[in-house]
Structure formats: structure tokens, C-alpha cells
């Protein structure tokens, strides 16, 4: 069971939808699925060597009450930024979810 006192952050779960514009061009629009309270478990900045040099990503882990239908295709909006969901882990039997998210740093 998650203590309500630990859910001290507000996150928004967003889902991508393809939109066809007037010229027939397909773009991706993100719409809000849910706004929930969550616990921030971990926040890290990680540097990775890639083909174009060293890149940096921010990694966040959130725990929230169970919410059906959340997948890695969704994303989390937190603190004015968008983070891709890398993994969704169910805790207990539909008690909670742990979301591992990553995104590029601001700047």
C-alpha cells in the first residue's frame, strides 16, 4: 500500500495521437490521459557515449497508485518537461505502478 503522504509530486500521463493536417502531413499530438499524484523514487543524470559523442539523459523513477492501460508508448510530463516511459512495473496485485522514465536535460 502506498502512503498518501509519499505522493508529493504531480505528474501527467500523456498519449500520442497521429493527426493529419490540411496538407495531408501526419504529425504527432500528445493528449493528457490522467493527472495523478506520485512519489519520486530516483532522479539521475546519465552520460552515454554514442556515435555523435557523449550525450546526457535524465532518468526518473516514479511510484503511483495503479492506473490501467499505461504503456511505454506513453510519456510523463513533470516539472515542465516530457519524459519517455522506458518501463512500467506493476507492484503487488494492481496496487501500484513504478514508471522508469528518461528525457534529455533542458538547455
N, C-alpha and C. Protein backbone atom coordinates (compact mmCIF):
# COMPACT_ATOMS: atom_id res chain seq x y z
N UNK A 1 0.85 -1.19 0.00
CA UNK A 1 0.00 0.00 0.00
C UNK A 1 0.88 1.24 0.00
N UNK A 2 0.51 2.23 -0.75
CA UNK A 2 1.27 3.47 -0.82
C UNK A 2 0.65 4.46 0.16
N UNK A 3 1.50 5.04 1.00
CA UNK A 3 1.05 6.07 1.92
C UNK A 3 0.78 7.35 1.14
N UNK A 4 -0.35 8.00 1.41
CA UNK A 4 -0.72 9.22 0.69
C UNK A 4 0.31 10.32 0.92
N UNK A 5 0.97 10.32 2.06
CA UNK A 5 1.97 11.33 2.36
C UNK A 5 3.20 11.26 1.45
N UNK A 6 3.48 10.10 0.88
CA UNK A 6 4.63 9.95 -0.02
C UNK A 6 4.33 10.45 -1.43
N UNK A 7 3.07 10.58 -1.77
CA UNK A 7 2.68 11.02 -3.11
C UNK A 7 2.71 12.54 -3.17
N UNK A 8 3.93 13.09 -3.20
CA UNK A 8 4.12 14.54 -3.07
C UNK A 8 4.42 15.24 -4.39
N UNK A 9 4.33 14.54 -5.50
CA UNK A 9 4.57 15.14 -6.83
C UNK A 9 3.33 14.95 -7.69
N UNK A 10 3.12 15.87 -8.61
CA UNK A 10 2.02 15.75 -9.57
C UNK A 10 2.62 15.48 -10.94
N UNK A 11 2.19 14.41 -11.57
CA UNK A 11 2.64 14.08 -12.92
C UNK A 11 1.43 13.93 -13.83
N UNK A 12 1.66 14.11 -15.12
CA UNK A 12 0.60 13.95 -16.11
C UNK A 12 1.03 12.85 -17.08
N UNK A 13 0.18 11.88 -17.28
CA UNK A 13 0.42 10.81 -18.25
C UNK A 13 -0.17 11.29 -19.57
N UNK A 14 0.64 11.23 -20.63
CA UNK A 14 0.21 11.68 -21.95
C UNK A 14 0.34 10.56 -22.97
N UNK A 15 -0.53 10.58 -23.96
CA UNK A 15 -0.54 9.56 -25.01
C UNK A 15 -0.48 10.23 -26.38
N UNK A 16 0.29 9.64 -27.29
CA UNK A 16 0.46 10.19 -28.63
C UNK A 16 -0.72 9.81 -29.53
N UNK A 17 -1.11 10.77 -30.35
CA UNK A 17 -2.14 10.54 -31.36
C UNK A 17 -1.64 11.13 -32.67
N UNK A 18 -1.87 10.42 -33.75
CA UNK A 18 -1.48 10.94 -35.06
C UNK A 18 -2.59 11.83 -35.58
N UNK A 19 -2.18 12.99 -36.06
CA UNK A 19 -3.13 13.97 -36.59
C UNK A 19 -2.75 14.27 -38.03
N UNK A 20 -3.74 14.25 -38.92
CA UNK A 20 -3.50 14.55 -40.33
C UNK A 20 -3.89 16.01 -40.56
N UNK A 21 -2.90 16.80 -41.00
CA UNK A 21 -3.13 18.21 -41.26
C UNK A 21 -3.83 18.44 -42.59
N UNK A 22 -4.07 19.72 -42.89
CA UNK A 22 -4.77 20.07 -44.12
C UNK A 22 -4.00 19.63 -45.37
N UNK A 23 -2.70 19.69 -45.33
CA UNK A 23 -1.89 19.32 -46.49
C UNK A 23 -1.64 17.80 -46.54
N UNK A 24 -2.26 17.06 -45.63
CA UNK A 24 -2.07 15.62 -45.61
C UNK A 24 -0.86 15.18 -44.82
N UNK A 25 -0.19 16.13 -44.20
CA UNK A 25 1.00 15.81 -43.41
C UNK A 25 0.58 15.25 -42.05
N UNK A 26 1.22 14.14 -41.66
CA UNK A 26 0.91 13.49 -40.39
C UNK A 26 1.84 14.03 -39.31
N UNK A 27 1.26 14.50 -38.22
CA UNK A 27 2.04 14.97 -37.07
C UNK A 27 1.55 14.23 -35.83
N UNK A 28 2.37 14.27 -34.79
CA UNK A 28 2.03 13.62 -33.53
C UNK A 28 1.60 14.68 -32.53
N UNK A 29 0.44 14.46 -31.91
CA UNK A 29 -0.06 15.35 -30.86
C UNK A 29 -0.19 14.54 -29.58
N UNK A 30 0.21 15.13 -28.46
CA UNK A 30 0.14 14.46 -27.17
C UNK A 30 -1.08 14.97 -26.42
N UNK A 31 -1.91 14.05 -25.93
CA UNK A 31 -3.07 14.43 -25.14
C UNK A 31 -2.97 13.82 -23.74
N UNK A 32 -3.53 14.50 -22.79
CA UNK A 32 -3.47 14.06 -21.40
C UNK A 32 -4.41 12.88 -21.17
N UNK A 33 -3.89 11.82 -20.56
CA UNK A 33 -4.68 10.65 -20.21
C UNK A 33 -5.14 10.76 -18.75
N UNK A 34 -4.22 11.21 -17.87
CA UNK A 34 -4.53 11.33 -16.45
C UNK A 34 -3.52 12.25 -15.78
N UNK A 35 -3.96 12.95 -14.76
CA UNK A 35 -3.07 13.71 -13.89
C UNK A 35 -3.17 13.07 -12.53
N UNK A 36 -2.03 12.60 -12.00
CA UNK A 36 -2.03 11.81 -10.76
C UNK A 36 -0.94 12.29 -9.81
N UNK A 37 -1.08 11.90 -8.56
CA UNK A 37 -0.05 12.15 -7.55
C UNK A 37 0.92 10.97 -7.57
N UNK A 38 2.20 11.26 -7.39
CA UNK A 38 3.23 10.22 -7.46
C UNK A 38 4.35 10.50 -6.48
N UNK A 39 5.12 9.47 -6.20
CA UNK A 39 6.32 9.58 -5.38
C UNK A 39 7.53 9.53 -6.32
N UNK A 40 8.43 10.50 -6.19
CA UNK A 40 9.67 10.48 -6.97
C UNK A 40 10.65 9.60 -6.23
N UNK A 41 10.97 8.44 -6.80
CA UNK A 41 11.86 7.48 -6.15
C UNK A 41 13.32 7.78 -6.42
N UNK A 42 13.62 8.22 -7.64
CA UNK A 42 15.00 8.38 -8.04
C UNK A 42 15.08 9.40 -9.17
N UNK A 43 16.13 10.22 -9.13
CA UNK A 43 16.40 11.17 -10.20
C UNK A 43 17.90 11.15 -10.46
N UNK A 44 18.31 10.77 -11.66
CA UNK A 44 19.72 10.66 -12.03
C UNK A 44 19.97 11.34 -13.36
N UNK A 45 21.18 11.83 -13.53
CA UNK A 45 21.65 12.30 -14.84
C UNK A 45 22.71 11.30 -15.29
N UNK A 46 22.56 10.80 -16.51
CA UNK A 46 23.45 9.76 -17.02
C UNK A 46 24.07 10.23 -18.32
N UNK A 47 25.39 10.05 -18.46
CA UNK A 47 26.07 10.36 -19.72
C UNK A 47 26.40 9.06 -20.43
N UNK A 48 26.11 9.04 -21.75
CA UNK A 48 26.32 7.85 -22.55
C UNK A 48 27.13 8.22 -23.78
N UNK A 49 28.17 7.42 -24.09
CA UNK A 49 28.96 7.64 -25.30
C UNK A 49 28.22 7.03 -26.48
N UNK A 50 28.01 7.84 -27.49
CA UNK A 50 27.31 7.38 -28.69
C UNK A 50 28.10 7.72 -29.93
N UNK A 51 27.55 7.49 -31.11
CA UNK A 51 28.26 7.74 -32.36
C UNK A 51 28.54 9.22 -32.60
N UNK A 52 27.80 10.10 -31.97
CA UNK A 52 27.99 11.54 -32.16
C UNK A 52 28.59 12.19 -30.91
N UNK A 53 29.28 11.41 -30.10
CA UNK A 53 29.90 11.94 -28.89
C UNK A 53 29.10 11.57 -27.66
N UNK A 54 29.40 12.24 -26.58
CA UNK A 54 28.74 11.96 -25.31
C UNK A 54 27.42 12.71 -25.23
N UNK A 55 26.37 11.97 -24.91
CA UNK A 55 25.06 12.58 -24.73
C UNK A 55 24.61 12.37 -23.28
N UNK A 56 23.75 13.24 -22.83
CA UNK A 56 23.28 13.19 -21.45
C UNK A 56 21.78 12.97 -21.43
N UNK A 57 21.32 12.12 -20.52
CA UNK A 57 19.88 11.92 -20.32
C UNK A 57 19.58 11.98 -18.84
N UNK A 58 18.39 12.42 -18.51
CA UNK A 58 17.91 12.40 -17.14
C UNK A 58 17.02 11.18 -16.97
N UNK A 59 17.20 10.46 -15.88
CA UNK A 59 16.42 9.27 -15.59
C UNK A 59 15.65 9.49 -14.30
N UNK A 60 14.34 9.26 -14.34
CA UNK A 60 13.47 9.44 -13.18
C UNK A 60 12.68 8.16 -12.95
N UNK A 61 12.42 7.85 -11.68
CA UNK A 61 11.56 6.73 -11.33
C UNK A 61 10.43 7.26 -10.45
N UNK A 62 9.20 6.96 -10.84
CA UNK A 62 8.01 7.39 -10.10
C UNK A 62 7.23 6.17 -9.63
N UNK A 63 6.61 6.27 -8.47
CA UNK A 63 5.67 5.27 -7.99
C UNK A 63 4.32 5.95 -7.82
N UNK A 64 3.27 5.32 -8.33
CA UNK A 64 1.93 5.88 -8.25
C UNK A 64 0.93 4.78 -8.02
N UNK A 65 -0.27 5.15 -7.61
CA UNK A 65 -1.33 4.15 -7.46
C UNK A 65 -1.63 3.55 -8.83
N UNK A 66 -2.07 2.30 -8.82
CA UNK A 66 -2.30 1.57 -10.07
C UNK A 66 -3.24 2.34 -11.00
N UNK A 67 -2.86 2.37 -12.25
CA UNK A 67 -3.65 3.02 -13.29
C UNK A 67 -3.58 2.11 -14.51
N UNK A 68 -4.70 1.56 -14.91
CA UNK A 68 -4.72 0.59 -16.01
C UNK A 68 -4.40 1.24 -17.34
N UNK A 69 -3.71 0.49 -18.19
CA UNK A 69 -3.50 0.91 -19.57
C UNK A 69 -2.25 1.73 -19.84
N UNK A 70 -1.42 1.99 -18.86
CA UNK A 70 -0.20 2.77 -19.08
C UNK A 70 0.85 1.85 -19.71
N UNK A 71 1.48 2.31 -20.79
CA UNK A 71 2.48 1.53 -21.51
C UNK A 71 3.71 2.40 -21.80
N UNK A 72 4.82 1.79 -22.23
CA UNK A 72 5.99 2.57 -22.62
C UNK A 72 5.76 3.47 -23.83
N UNK A 73 4.65 3.32 -24.53
CA UNK A 73 4.34 4.21 -25.64
C UNK A 73 3.86 5.58 -25.13
N UNK A 74 3.46 5.64 -23.87
CA UNK A 74 3.01 6.90 -23.26
C UNK A 74 4.22 7.68 -22.78
N UNK A 75 3.97 8.87 -22.25
CA UNK A 75 5.05 9.65 -21.66
C UNK A 75 4.55 10.35 -20.40
N UNK A 76 5.49 10.84 -19.60
CA UNK A 76 5.17 11.54 -18.36
C UNK A 76 5.59 13.01 -18.51
N UNK A 77 4.69 13.90 -18.16
CA UNK A 77 5.01 15.33 -18.10
C UNK A 77 5.19 15.66 -16.62
N UNK A 78 6.39 16.20 -16.30
CA UNK A 78 6.71 16.52 -14.91
C UNK A 78 7.63 17.73 -14.88
N UNK A 79 7.33 18.66 -14.04
CA UNK A 79 8.18 19.83 -13.83
C UNK A 79 8.44 20.59 -15.14
N UNK A 80 7.42 20.68 -15.99
CA UNK A 80 7.54 21.42 -17.23
C UNK A 80 8.29 20.71 -18.34
N UNK A 81 8.57 19.42 -18.16
CA UNK A 81 9.32 18.64 -19.16
C UNK A 81 8.59 17.35 -19.47
N UNK A 82 8.90 16.77 -20.62
CA UNK A 82 8.33 15.49 -21.03
C UNK A 82 9.40 14.41 -20.94
N UNK A 83 9.02 13.26 -20.38
CA UNK A 83 9.92 12.13 -20.22
C UNK A 83 9.29 10.89 -20.85
N UNK A 84 10.06 10.19 -21.68
CA UNK A 84 9.59 8.94 -22.26
C UNK A 84 9.55 7.88 -21.17
N UNK A 85 8.51 7.04 -21.18
CA UNK A 85 8.42 5.93 -20.24
C UNK A 85 9.23 4.78 -20.82
N UNK A 86 10.27 4.37 -20.11
CA UNK A 86 11.11 3.27 -20.55
C UNK A 86 10.55 1.92 -20.09
N UNK A 87 9.98 1.88 -18.87
CA UNK A 87 9.39 0.63 -18.40
C UNK A 87 8.28 0.92 -17.40
N UNK A 88 7.32 -0.01 -17.36
CA UNK A 88 6.19 0.05 -16.43
C UNK A 88 6.21 -1.25 -15.64
N UNK A 89 6.32 -1.12 -14.32
CA UNK A 89 6.38 -2.30 -13.45
C UNK A 89 5.18 -2.27 -12.50
N UNK A 90 4.40 -3.34 -12.52
CA UNK A 90 3.26 -3.44 -11.61
C UNK A 90 3.76 -3.93 -10.26
N UNK A 91 3.34 -3.26 -9.20
CA UNK A 91 3.75 -3.62 -7.84
C UNK A 91 2.53 -4.19 -7.14
N UNK A 92 2.69 -5.40 -6.61
CA UNK A 92 1.56 -6.07 -5.99
C UNK A 92 0.53 -6.44 -7.02
N UNK A 93 -0.65 -6.70 -6.57
CA UNK A 93 -1.73 -7.06 -7.47
C UNK A 93 -2.60 -5.83 -7.71
N UNK A 94 -2.21 -5.05 -8.73
CA UNK A 94 -2.90 -3.81 -9.07
C UNK A 94 -2.94 -2.82 -7.91
N UNK A 95 -1.85 -2.79 -7.15
CA UNK A 95 -1.73 -1.84 -6.04
C UNK A 95 -1.06 -0.56 -6.49
N UNK A 96 0.04 -0.70 -7.24
CA UNK A 96 0.83 0.46 -7.63
C UNK A 96 1.56 0.18 -8.93
N UNK A 97 2.10 1.24 -9.52
CA UNK A 97 2.95 1.15 -10.70
C UNK A 97 4.25 1.87 -10.41
N UNK A 98 5.32 1.36 -10.96
CA UNK A 98 6.60 2.06 -10.94
C UNK A 98 6.96 2.37 -12.38
N UNK A 99 7.15 3.65 -12.68
CA UNK A 99 7.49 4.09 -14.03
C UNK A 99 8.94 4.54 -14.06
N UNK A 100 9.72 3.96 -14.94
CA UNK A 100 11.09 4.39 -15.17
C UNK A 100 11.05 5.25 -16.44
N UNK A 101 11.48 6.51 -16.30
CA UNK A 101 11.35 7.47 -17.39
C UNK A 101 12.70 8.09 -17.71
N UNK A 102 12.85 8.53 -18.97
CA UNK A 102 14.08 9.23 -19.34
C UNK A 102 13.77 10.35 -20.31
N UNK A 103 14.63 11.36 -20.27
CA UNK A 103 14.46 12.50 -21.15
C UNK A 103 15.76 13.27 -21.25
N UNK A 104 15.82 14.15 -22.21
CA UNK A 104 17.01 15.00 -22.38
C UNK A 104 16.96 16.16 -21.41
N UNK A 105 18.11 16.58 -20.89
CA UNK A 105 18.13 17.72 -19.99
C UNK A 105 17.77 19.01 -20.71
N UNK A 106 17.28 19.99 -19.96
CA UNK A 106 16.97 21.30 -20.54
C UNK A 106 18.23 22.00 -20.96
N UNK A 107 18.11 22.82 -21.97
CA UNK A 107 19.26 23.62 -22.38
C UNK A 107 19.77 23.16 -23.64
